[in-house]
Each structure stands twice: as C-alpha cells, then as structure tokens.
Amino acid sequence: MGGLVINTNLSSLNSQRVLENSNRQLGKSINRISSGIKIEGATDGVGELALSESLRSDIAALKQGSRNVKNGTALLNMAEGALNEISGILLRLRSLASQSANGTLAETERQAVNLEFQASLREIDRIVGTTEFNGTFLLNGTLSKTAEEHIVLQAGVDSSSRNQIDLNDLANLNDVSTSSLNLNNSEITTQGSAFLALNDLTQAIDTMLDARGRLGTAQIRSLHAMDALNAQIENLTDAVSTIRDVDLAEELTTLTKNQLLVQAGVAMVGQANINPQAALTLLEGV
C-alpha cells in the first residue's frame, strides 16, 4: 500500500498522461473524419505514407501519359481526315481521266475537263501544305520513319522505350504531295495523256491506301494504349484509396470511444486531485 503524500500525486500524473493521449487520439479522429484522409503524415504510418505517395506519383505520371496519348491520337485523327479528303480527290481525278480517255470527247471538252483536273491537283498540294497540328506539318514526310526527328509520345511513368510510342515508326507516313505521288506533271488534254494519268492515279491510290492502313494501325494502337493507361490509373487510385482514405464507420466508432475516454479521463484527473486530501485526516487534532 502506498503511503499518503502531499507533494507528489502519482495518480493525478498518470491520469493526466492518459487524458493527454486520449485527447490526442480524439483530435486525430476528428481530423480524419473532417478531411476524409487516414494517412496525413509519417506519424500515421511511415510505410503506408511512403507507399501511398509512390502510388500517387505514378498516378500523376499516368494521367499525364493518358493526356499525351490522347493528344497523339488527335494528331493522327487530323492526318487521317486530310488523307481521307485527298483520297476522295484522287477518286475524282481518276473519274476525270477516264472521262477524258474516252474516244468520243472532242479537244475542247478535254480542255474543260483538264481545268478541274489541274485545280484538284493543286488542292492536294494545298491540303498537304496546310495540314498541321500545333505547328507540326503532318503530310510532308514529318511522320515518316526517315524523318530526322520523330514524334514520340510519353505514355508511362519513366523514360524507358516500353513507356513510349513512336508515331513515326507506327504510321510511317511519307510525303503525299502530287510530286511524291508522281502526279505533278499529269494532264488529260489528250487521249494518250489521259491513259498515262490513269496509270499514275492507280498507283497513287494504291500508295494512299497503304498510307491510310499504316495510319489506321497507329490510331488503333494509340486507343489501346489510352485504354490501358486509364485502367492502370483506376486500379492504382483504388489502391491509394484503400491506404489513405478513412473508413467512416470505423473512424466514427473510434471517435466515440475516444470521446468517452476523454470524459472519463477528465473525471479521473479530478478524482486523483482529491485523493491527497485523505492525508489531511491524519493531521486532525494535531
């Protein structure tokens, strides 16, 4: 049995220590519920904090990677739209050449048909010279494998090749101007020149089909890459939520417990402070 002392009240000191700890835990529960975050600092768990911050860093990089791929897809879509228009022009040019190659046309009619033929050729070159994405021209060979600088999409968390998409390697889109398609000198003013133009246009259309096929492959891959990135973001976000976010049901239970402990602690500190008064009974009558 401990002695009755006045100067040192161990019961009060112990009650105050427990009350301070309970009050600290109560404050932590209140902060967690108000913020919705369970891991706010290293004191809440060093390992959990390090893991969640690493995952959040990966998520930020992947989100930007998804935006990067989306921009790359927009670039490819713009190139495809222009190629689609050029393909339509080539089909019209072939129709005009076939019309001029017909033996029933007179020279005057061929001259008239050639006017549209030449205007359409100039339109192809205009489209090639004006199709650009953020300052990058797309149809003049910039997207070919042999270009000096390649357009590379950063799609992952680091700079390794597996996290990058080289649009030049995928699309390999060469110059599609009339000179590259061997159409710059085409004309259909005579039946013979119309026959030659038909041959050149057949080759040009085949070249365009190959180019659009490669470009379509690049578009499909970029869409798959974007879907994969979004799936990674979703799964990592779920993992971070499991680590950092508060389970309100659990935390409200902890809050209630800490509130009761604080109330009990306050009461016990008061009771402990009264205990030394028992020593005074020994002094009665002295």
Protein backbone atom coordinates (compact mmCIF):
# COMPACT_ATOMS: atom_id res chain seq x y z
CA MET A 1 0.00 0.00 0.00
CA GLY A 2 1.41 3.34 -0.97
CA GLY A 3 1.99 5.96 1.59
CA LEU A 4 -0.14 9.11 1.95
CA VAL A 5 1.85 12.01 0.46
CA ILE A 6 1.06 15.59 -0.48
CA ASN A 7 3.90 16.79 -2.73
CA THR A 8 3.70 14.01 -5.34
CA ASN A 9 0.36 12.84 -6.74
CA LEU A 10 1.22 9.92 -8.99
CA SER A 11 -2.44 9.08 -9.61
CA SER A 12 -3.04 12.57 -10.95
CA LEU A 13 0.09 12.48 -13.13
CA ASN A 14 -0.91 9.11 -14.55
CA SER A 15 -4.47 10.29 -15.20
CA GLN A 16 -3.20 13.44 -16.91
CA ARG A 17 -0.88 11.38 -19.14
CA VAL A 18 -3.69 9.05 -20.16
CA LEU A 19 -6.04 12.02 -20.68
CA GLU A 20 -3.48 13.76 -22.91
CA ASN A 21 -3.09 10.62 -25.01
CA SER A 22 -6.86 10.15 -25.29
CA ASN A 23 -7.30 13.81 -26.22
CA ARG A 24 -4.63 13.46 -28.91
CA GLN A 25 -6.35 10.39 -30.34
CA LEU A 26 -9.68 12.22 -30.26
CA GLY A 27 -8.19 15.13 -32.19
CA LYS A 28 -6.74 12.70 -34.73
CA SER A 29 -10.17 11.07 -35.21
CA ILE A 30 -11.78 14.46 -35.70
CA ASN A 31 -9.13 15.44 -38.28
CA ARG A 32 -9.54 12.18 -40.15
CA ILE A 33 -13.31 12.45 -40.33
CA SER A 34 -13.24 16.11 -41.36
CA SER A 35 -10.60 15.58 -44.06
CA GLY A 36 -11.54 12.05 -45.12
CA ILE A 37 -7.84 11.12 -45.05
CA LYS A 38 -6.43 8.44 -42.77
CA ILE A 39 -2.71 8.85 -43.62
CA GLU A 40 -1.84 12.54 -43.37
CA GLY A 41 1.77 12.24 -42.24
CA ALA A 42 4.54 9.88 -41.18
CA THR A 43 3.08 9.64 -37.67
CA ASP A 44 0.06 7.86 -39.15
CA GLY A 45 2.29 5.15 -40.64
CA VAL A 46 5.67 5.52 -42.32
CA GLY A 47 5.21 2.53 -44.59
CA GLU A 48 1.68 3.46 -45.60
CA LEU A 49 2.73 7.06 -46.29
CA ALA A 50 5.68 6.02 -48.46
CA LEU A 51 3.58 3.54 -50.44
CA SER A 52 0.67 5.90 -50.97
CA GLU A 53 2.93 8.77 -52.07
CA SER A 54 4.74 6.49 -54.51
CA LEU A 55 1.42 5.34 -55.98
CA ARG A 56 0.12 8.90 -56.18
CA SER A 57 3.26 9.89 -58.06
CA ASP A 58 2.69 7.05 -60.53
CA ILE A 59 -0.94 8.06 -60.93
CA ALA A 60 0.03 11.65 -61.74
CA ALA A 61 2.52 10.45 -64.37
CA LEU A 62 0.00 8.03 -65.87
CA LYS A 63 -2.70 10.69 -66.04
CA GLN A 64 -0.35 12.95 -67.96
CA GLY A 65 0.64 9.98 -70.11
CA SER A 66 -3.03 9.41 -70.94
CA ARG A 67 -3.37 13.06 -71.95
CA ASN A 68 -0.20 12.75 -74.04
CA VAL A 69 -1.57 9.73 -75.90
CA LYS A 70 -4.89 11.49 -76.35
CA ASN A 71 -3.09 14.41 -77.98
CA GLY A 72 -1.20 11.95 -80.18
CA THR A 73 -4.49 10.36 -81.19
CA ALA A 74 -5.85 13.77 -82.09
CA LEU A 75 -2.77 14.36 -84.26
CA LEU A 76 -3.31 11.05 -86.05
CA ASN A 77 -7.01 11.80 -86.49
CA MET A 78 -6.17 15.10 -88.14
CA ALA A 79 -3.77 13.38 -90.53
CA GLU A 80 -6.39 10.72 -91.31
CA GLY A 81 -9.02 13.36 -92.02
CA ALA A 82 -6.72 15.05 -94.52
CA LEU A 83 -5.79 11.73 -96.17
CA ASN A 84 -9.46 10.88 -96.46
CA GLU A 85 -10.07 14.12 -98.35
CA ILE A 86 -7.06 13.52 -100.62
CA SER A 87 -8.34 10.01 -101.33
CA GLY A 88 -11.65 11.47 -102.39
CA ILE A 89 -9.86 13.89 -104.71
CA LEU A 90 -7.83 11.06 -106.25
CA LEU A 91 -11.00 9.11 -106.97
CA ARG A 92 -12.47 12.16 -108.68
CA LEU A 93 -9.26 12.65 -110.67
CA ARG A 94 -9.45 9.04 -111.83
CA SER A 95 -13.01 9.59 -112.95
CA LEU A 96 -11.97 12.70 -114.89
CA ALA A 97 -9.05 10.85 -116.51
CA SER A 98 -11.35 8.02 -117.53
CA GLN A 99 -13.77 10.54 -118.99
CA SER A 100 -11.01 12.23 -120.98
CA ALA A 101 -9.67 8.88 -122.18
CA ASN A 102 -12.96 8.17 -123.88
CA GLY A 103 -12.68 8.50 -127.64
CA THR A 104 -16.00 10.33 -128.02
CA LEU A 105 -14.67 13.54 -126.37
CA ALA A 106 -13.52 16.43 -128.52
CA GLU A 107 -10.42 18.53 -127.78
CA THR A 108 -12.47 21.40 -126.37
CA GLU A 109 -14.25 19.10 -123.93
CA ARG A 110 -10.94 17.60 -122.81
CA GLN A 111 -9.58 21.09 -122.16
CA ALA A 112 -12.60 21.82 -119.98
CA VAL A 113 -12.23 18.57 -118.05
CA ASN A 114 -8.50 19.24 -117.58
CA LEU A 115 -9.31 22.54 -115.84
CA GLU A 116 -10.98 20.66 -112.99
CA PHE A 117 -8.20 18.05 -113.10
CA GLN A 118 -5.47 20.63 -112.57
CA ALA A 119 -7.45 22.50 -109.90
CA SER A 120 -7.88 19.26 -107.96
CA LEU A 121 -4.15 18.55 -108.14
CA ARG A 122 -3.44 21.99 -106.72
CA GLU A 123 -5.92 21.32 -103.92
CA ILE A 124 -4.00 18.18 -102.95
CA ASP A 125 -0.82 20.23 -102.56
CA ARG A 126 -2.71 22.89 -100.63
CA ILE A 127 -4.02 20.28 -98.19
CA VAL A 128 -0.52 18.83 -97.77
CA GLY A 129 0.92 22.28 -97.15
CA THR A 130 -1.66 23.33 -94.56
CA THR A 131 -2.41 20.20 -92.55
CA GLU A 132 -0.60 20.76 -89.25
CA PHE A 133 -1.01 20.03 -85.55
CA ASN A 134 0.40 22.58 -83.14
CA GLY A 135 2.96 23.72 -85.71
CA THR A 136 3.87 20.22 -86.92
CA PHE A 137 3.00 19.55 -90.56
CA LEU A 138 1.71 16.02 -90.96
CA LEU A 139 1.63 15.13 -94.65
CA ASN A 140 5.03 16.32 -95.88
CA GLY A 141 7.07 13.40 -94.53
CA THR A 142 7.33 14.57 -90.92
CA LEU A 143 5.67 11.31 -89.81
CA SER A 144 7.89 9.03 -91.90
CA LYS A 145 10.45 6.64 -90.43
CA THR A 146 13.23 8.50 -92.23
CA ALA A 147 12.39 11.88 -90.66
CA GLU A 148 15.24 13.49 -88.73
CA GLU A 149 13.10 13.97 -85.63
CA HIS A 150 10.43 11.50 -84.54
CA ILE A 151 7.21 12.34 -82.73
CA VAL A 152 7.38 10.23 -79.57
CA LEU A 153 4.51 10.03 -77.08
CA GLN A 154 5.44 9.72 -73.40
CA ALA A 155 2.88 7.26 -72.11
CA GLY A 156 4.27 5.82 -68.86
CA VAL A 157 5.95 6.54 -65.56
CA ASP A 158 9.54 6.59 -66.86
CA SER A 159 11.56 7.23 -69.99
CA SER A 160 12.10 3.59 -70.96
CA SER A 161 11.18 2.60 -74.50
CA ARG A 162 8.29 0.42 -73.30
CA ASN A 163 6.62 3.56 -71.97
CA GLN A 164 6.97 5.49 -75.22
CA ILE A 165 5.10 5.34 -78.53
CA ASP A 166 6.99 6.40 -81.66
CA LEU A 167 4.36 7.66 -84.10
CA ASN A 168 6.86 7.74 -86.95
CA ASP A 169 7.64 4.04 -86.58
CA LEU A 170 3.94 3.23 -86.38
CA ALA A 171 2.49 5.47 -89.07
CA ASN A 172 5.49 5.82 -91.41
CA LEU A 173 3.51 8.42 -93.37
CA ASN A 174 5.57 9.69 -96.28
CA ASP A 175 5.05 12.86 -98.28
CA VAL A 176 1.75 12.68 -100.17
CA SER A 177 2.12 15.76 -102.34
CA THR A 178 1.47 15.47 -106.08
CA SER A 179 5.20 15.30 -106.81
CA SER A 180 5.65 12.37 -104.40
CA LEU A 181 2.61 10.66 -105.93
CA ASN A 182 4.07 11.26 -109.42
CA LEU A 183 1.08 13.38 -110.40
CA ASN A 184 2.65 16.84 -110.64
CA ASN A 185 3.04 16.60 -114.42
CA SER A 186 -0.23 14.77 -115.09
CA GLU A 187 -2.72 16.26 -117.54
CA ILE A 188 -5.61 14.92 -119.60
CA THR A 189 -5.78 17.23 -122.62
CA THR A 190 -5.32 14.28 -124.99
CA GLN A 191 -6.47 10.70 -125.01
CA GLY A 192 -2.89 9.48 -124.67
CA SER A 193 -2.12 11.71 -121.69
CA ALA A 194 -5.37 10.60 -120.08
CA PHE A 195 -4.25 6.96 -120.38
CA LEU A 196 -0.94 7.85 -118.69
CA ALA A 197 -2.79 9.77 -115.98
CA LEU A 198 -5.00 6.75 -115.30
CA ASN A 199 -1.94 4.59 -114.68
CA ASP A 200 -0.36 7.20 -112.40
CA LEU A 201 -3.60 7.65 -110.48
CA THR A 202 -3.94 3.89 -109.96
CA GLN A 203 -0.50 3.80 -108.35
CA ALA A 204 -1.24 6.95 -106.33
CA ILE A 205 -4.47 5.48 -104.98
CA ASP A 206 -2.66 2.27 -104.00
CA THR A 207 0.01 4.36 -102.25
CA MET A 208 -2.69 6.27 -100.41
CA LEU A 209 -4.41 3.06 -99.31
CA ASP A 210 -1.13 1.76 -97.87
CA ALA A 211 -0.54 5.04 -96.06
CA ARG A 212 -4.04 5.09 -94.59
CA GLY A 213 -3.66 1.48 -93.49
CA ARG A 214 -0.49 2.26 -91.54
CA LEU A 215 -2.05 5.37 -90.09
CA GLY A 216 -5.11 3.41 -89.04
CA THR A 217 -2.88 0.89 -87.27
CA ALA A 218 -1.23 3.72 -85.37
CA GLN A 219 -4.64 5.09 -84.38
CA ILE A 220 -5.79 1.70 -83.10
CA ARG A 221 -2.65 1.23 -81.03
CA SER A 222 -2.91 4.70 -79.52
CA LEU A 223 -6.51 3.98 -78.50
CA HIS A 224 -5.48 0.68 -76.88
CA ALA A 225 -2.64 2.47 -75.07
CA MET A 226 -5.03 5.10 -73.75
CA ASP A 227 -7.49 2.46 -72.52
CA ALA A 228 -4.67 0.57 -70.77
CA LEU A 229 -3.41 3.74 -69.10
CA ASN A 230 -6.89 4.63 -67.87
CA ALA A 231 -7.29 1.11 -66.43
CA GLN A 232 -3.96 1.45 -64.60
CA ILE A 233 -4.99 4.84 -63.24
CA GLU A 234 -8.28 3.41 -61.98
CA ASN A 235 -6.67 0.44 -60.25
CA LEU A 236 -3.88 2.48 -58.65
CA THR A 237 -6.37 5.08 -57.47
CA ASP A 238 -8.35 2.30 -55.80
CA ALA A 239 -5.16 1.10 -54.08
CA VAL A 240 -4.36 4.61 -52.83
CA SER A 241 -7.92 4.99 -51.57
CA THR A 242 -7.59 1.78 -49.59
CA ILE A 243 -4.43 3.10 -47.93
CA ARG A 244 -5.23 6.78 -47.41
CA ASP A 245 -8.99 7.20 -47.23
CA VAL A 246 -10.90 6.94 -43.96
CA ASP A 247 -13.43 4.21 -43.33
CA LEU A 248 -16.05 6.47 -41.76
CA ALA A 249 -17.89 3.65 -39.98
CA GLU A 250 -14.68 2.50 -38.32
CA GLU A 251 -13.45 6.00 -37.55
CA LEU A 252 -16.78 7.10 -36.04
CA THR A 253 -16.58 4.12 -33.69
CA THR A 254 -13.05 5.19 -32.73
CA LEU A 255 -14.25 8.77 -32.27
CA THR A 256 -16.98 7.68 -29.88
CA LYS A 257 -14.51 5.58 -27.91
CA ASN A 258 -12.03 8.46 -27.66
CA GLN A 259 -14.76 10.87 -26.57
CA LEU A 260 -15.71 8.51 -23.73
CA LEU A 261 -12.05 8.09 -22.76
CA VAL A 262 -11.53 11.85 -22.64
CA GLN A 263 -14.63 12.31 -20.49
CA ALA A 264 -13.52 9.50 -18.18
CA GLY A 265 -10.00 10.91 -18.06
CA VAL A 266 -11.21 14.35 -17.06
CA ALA A 267 -13.29 12.81 -14.29
CA MET A 268 -10.39 10.70 -13.04
CA VAL A 269 -7.97 13.64 -13.02
CA GLY A 270 -10.45 15.42 -10.80
CA GLN A 271 -10.76 12.38 -8.57
CA ALA A 272 -6.98 11.93 -8.37
CA ASN A 273 -6.55 15.53 -7.33
CA ILE A 274 -8.90 14.94 -4.43
CA ASN A 275 -7.03 11.85 -3.14
CA PRO A 276 -4.21 13.75 -1.30
CA GLN A 277 -6.84 15.36 0.88
CA ALA A 278 -7.03 12.00 2.71
CA ALA A 279 -3.67 12.84 4.23
CA LEU A 280 -5.25 15.78 5.95
CA THR A 281 -7.29 13.46 8.15
CA LEU A 282 -4.09 12.39 9.83
CA LEU A 283 -3.49 15.97 10.83
CA GLU A 284 -6.82 16.42 12.53
CA GLY A 285 -6.35 17.21 16.15
CA VAL A 286 -2.63 17.91 15.75
